[in-house]
């Protein structure tokens, strides 16, 4: 009985957040998934190469929390812009832009990091896949007005 109540509360909470965030819900789920995969592959590569460090592990987790904060900043910017436009009588059909753009950019970065981690583990990576994801990153940065030279890790 208690487990059912927890499941119902969790489902209602997830549905409420999804309805509120609308278009960004799926990219956020994908971002969370690739962050977990990146962390696991990064820790695996560090272990396999005798580079495992609890400090690096904690830093990795903090970095992932920072990613979520970064998306929240994008969402807040969207909210402020939409609120300001509504206040002056302009209807903006695009409700979520910056939050979505940041989430997509971070997903691409995480995908590149996963590929690097797999390469460190000795997994053969098709070069076309690396080139494809790098091209996606450059496309997102140039189409959004970003400067890709400042985003290299």
Protein backbone atom coordinates (compact mmCIF):
# COMPACT_ATOMS: atom_id res chain seq x y z
CA UNK A 1 0.00 0.00 0.00
CA UNK A 2 2.75 2.41 0.97
CA UNK A 3 4.72 1.57 -2.20
CA UNK A 4 1.64 2.30 -4.33
CA UNK A 5 1.24 5.70 -2.71
CA UNK A 6 4.90 6.52 -3.36
CA UNK A 7 4.54 5.37 -7.00
CA UNK A 8 1.42 7.49 -7.45
CA UNK A 9 3.08 10.55 -5.94
CA UNK A 10 6.19 10.05 -8.08
CA UNK A 11 4.11 9.59 -11.26
CA UNK A 12 2.00 12.67 -10.51
CA UNK A 13 5.11 14.72 -9.79
CA UNK A 14 6.80 13.54 -13.00
CA UNK A 15 3.65 14.27 -15.03
CA UNK A 16 3.35 17.73 -13.48
CA UNK A 17 6.97 18.58 -14.23
CA UNK A 18 6.64 17.26 -17.79
CA UNK A 19 3.49 19.29 -18.39
CA UNK A 20 5.13 22.41 -17.00
CA UNK A 21 8.39 22.01 -18.91
CA UNK A 22 6.64 20.71 -22.06
CA UNK A 23 9.15 20.53 -24.90
CA UNK A 24 12.26 20.35 -22.72
CA UNK A 25 11.16 17.26 -20.77
CA UNK A 26 12.47 14.71 -23.28
CA UNK A 27 15.84 16.46 -23.82
CA UNK A 28 16.25 16.63 -20.03
CA UNK A 29 15.61 12.89 -19.72
CA UNK A 30 18.12 12.24 -22.50
CA UNK A 31 20.61 14.60 -20.82
CA UNK A 32 20.24 12.79 -17.50
CA UNK A 33 20.71 9.43 -19.24
CA UNK A 34 23.86 10.47 -21.11
CA UNK A 35 25.27 12.08 -17.97
CA UNK A 36 24.90 8.77 -16.12
CA UNK A 37 26.42 6.84 -19.03
CA UNK A 38 29.29 9.34 -19.26
CA UNK A 39 29.98 9.07 -15.53
CA UNK A 40 29.94 5.26 -15.64
CA UNK A 41 32.17 5.07 -18.72
CA UNK A 42 34.49 7.72 -17.29
CA UNK A 43 34.87 5.87 -14.00
CA UNK A 44 35.32 2.57 -15.88
CA UNK A 45 38.05 4.07 -18.07
CA UNK A 46 39.76 5.55 -15.01
CA UNK A 47 39.62 2.19 -13.26
CA UNK A 48 40.92 0.30 -16.30
CA UNK A 49 43.82 2.74 -16.67
CA UNK A 50 44.63 2.81 -12.93
CA UNK A 51 43.62 6.50 -12.72
CA UNK A 52 40.63 6.09 -10.41
CA UNK A 53 40.38 8.91 -7.89
CA UNK A 54 37.58 9.76 -5.50
CA UNK A 55 38.35 13.46 -5.95
CA UNK A 56 37.88 13.14 -9.74
CA UNK A 57 34.69 11.17 -9.14
CA UNK A 58 33.22 13.86 -6.88
CA UNK A 59 34.34 16.56 -9.31
CA UNK A 60 32.54 14.67 -12.09
CA UNK A 61 29.33 14.56 -10.08
CA UNK A 62 29.58 18.27 -9.25
CA UNK A 63 30.14 19.02 -12.92
CA UNK A 64 26.97 17.10 -13.80
CA UNK A 65 25.03 19.09 -11.19
CA UNK A 66 26.43 22.22 -12.84
CA UNK A 67 25.03 21.03 -16.17
CA UNK A 68 21.54 20.86 -14.68
CA UNK A 69 22.03 24.34 -13.21
CA UNK A 70 23.11 25.58 -16.65
CA UNK A 71 19.92 24.25 -18.24
CA UNK A 72 17.94 25.91 -15.44
CA UNK A 73 19.62 29.24 -16.29
CA UNK A 74 18.52 28.76 -19.92
CA UNK A 75 14.98 27.96 -18.80
CA UNK A 76 14.97 31.03 -16.53
CA UNK A 77 16.14 33.19 -19.46
CA UNK A 78 13.28 31.81 -21.56
CA UNK A 79 10.81 32.58 -18.80
CA UNK A 80 12.09 36.13 -18.36
CA UNK A 81 12.04 36.86 -22.08
CA UNK A 82 8.52 35.43 -22.50
CA UNK A 83 7.28 37.31 -19.44
CA UNK A 84 8.77 40.58 -20.71
CA UNK A 85 7.31 40.09 -24.19
CA UNK A 86 3.89 39.27 -22.76
CA UNK A 87 4.13 42.37 -20.57
CA UNK A 88 4.52 44.62 -23.59
CA UNK A 89 1.78 42.85 -25.55
CA UNK A 90 3.85 40.65 -27.84
CA UNK A 91 2.82 37.00 -28.16
CA UNK A 92 5.90 34.80 -28.48
CA UNK A 93 5.05 31.39 -29.95
CA UNK A 94 8.50 30.02 -28.94
CA UNK A 95 8.22 29.36 -25.21
CA UNK A 96 11.38 27.32 -24.75
CA UNK A 97 14.50 28.18 -26.73
CA UNK A 98 17.57 28.81 -24.59
CA UNK A 99 16.89 26.01 -22.12
CA UNK A 100 16.40 23.59 -25.01
CA UNK A 101 19.49 24.83 -26.83
CA UNK A 102 21.66 24.45 -23.71
CA UNK A 103 20.29 20.94 -23.08
CA UNK A 104 21.02 19.86 -26.66
CA UNK A 105 24.52 21.35 -26.52
CA UNK A 106 25.24 19.51 -23.28
CA UNK A 107 23.88 16.23 -24.71
CA UNK A 108 26.28 16.55 -27.63
CA UNK A 109 29.20 17.27 -25.27
CA UNK A 110 28.28 14.24 -23.18
CA UNK A 111 28.12 12.04 -26.29
CA UNK A 112 31.63 13.16 -27.25
CA UNK A 113 32.83 12.46 -23.73
CA UNK A 114 31.27 8.97 -23.79
CA UNK A 115 33.08 8.22 -27.03
CA UNK A 116 36.37 9.43 -25.52
CA UNK A 117 35.81 7.26 -22.45
CA UNK A 118 35.04 4.21 -24.59
CA UNK A 119 38.16 4.87 -26.63
CA UNK A 120 40.20 4.96 -23.39
CA UNK A 121 38.66 1.58 -22.54
CA UNK A 122 39.90 0.20 -25.86
CA UNK A 123 36.50 0.02 -27.53
CA UNK A 124 36.89 0.55 -31.29
CA UNK A 125 34.97 3.69 -32.26
CA UNK A 126 33.97 4.32 -35.88
CA UNK A 127 35.57 7.62 -36.96
CA UNK A 128 32.39 8.64 -38.80
CA UNK A 129 30.52 8.63 -35.48
CA UNK A 130 33.03 10.95 -33.85
CA UNK A 131 32.98 13.26 -36.89
CA UNK A 132 29.17 13.25 -36.96
CA UNK A 133 28.84 14.28 -33.32
CA UNK A 134 31.60 16.90 -33.65
CA UNK A 135 29.77 18.32 -36.68
CA UNK A 136 26.53 18.43 -34.69
CA UNK A 137 28.32 20.37 -31.95
CA UNK A 138 29.76 22.88 -34.41
CA UNK A 139 26.38 23.23 -36.14
CA UNK A 140 24.57 23.93 -32.86
CA UNK A 141 27.22 26.46 -31.86
CA UNK A 142 27.32 28.30 -35.18
CA UNK A 143 23.54 28.29 -35.74
CA UNK A 144 23.00 29.60 -32.22
CA UNK A 145 25.60 32.34 -32.57
CA UNK A 146 28.12 30.66 -30.25
CA UNK A 147 31.87 30.61 -30.73
CA UNK A 148 33.11 27.03 -30.93
CA UNK A 149 36.69 28.05 -30.18
CA UNK A 150 35.66 28.94 -26.63
CA UNK A 151 33.88 25.66 -25.90
CA UNK A 152 36.64 23.15 -26.54
CA UNK A 153 37.55 21.10 -23.48
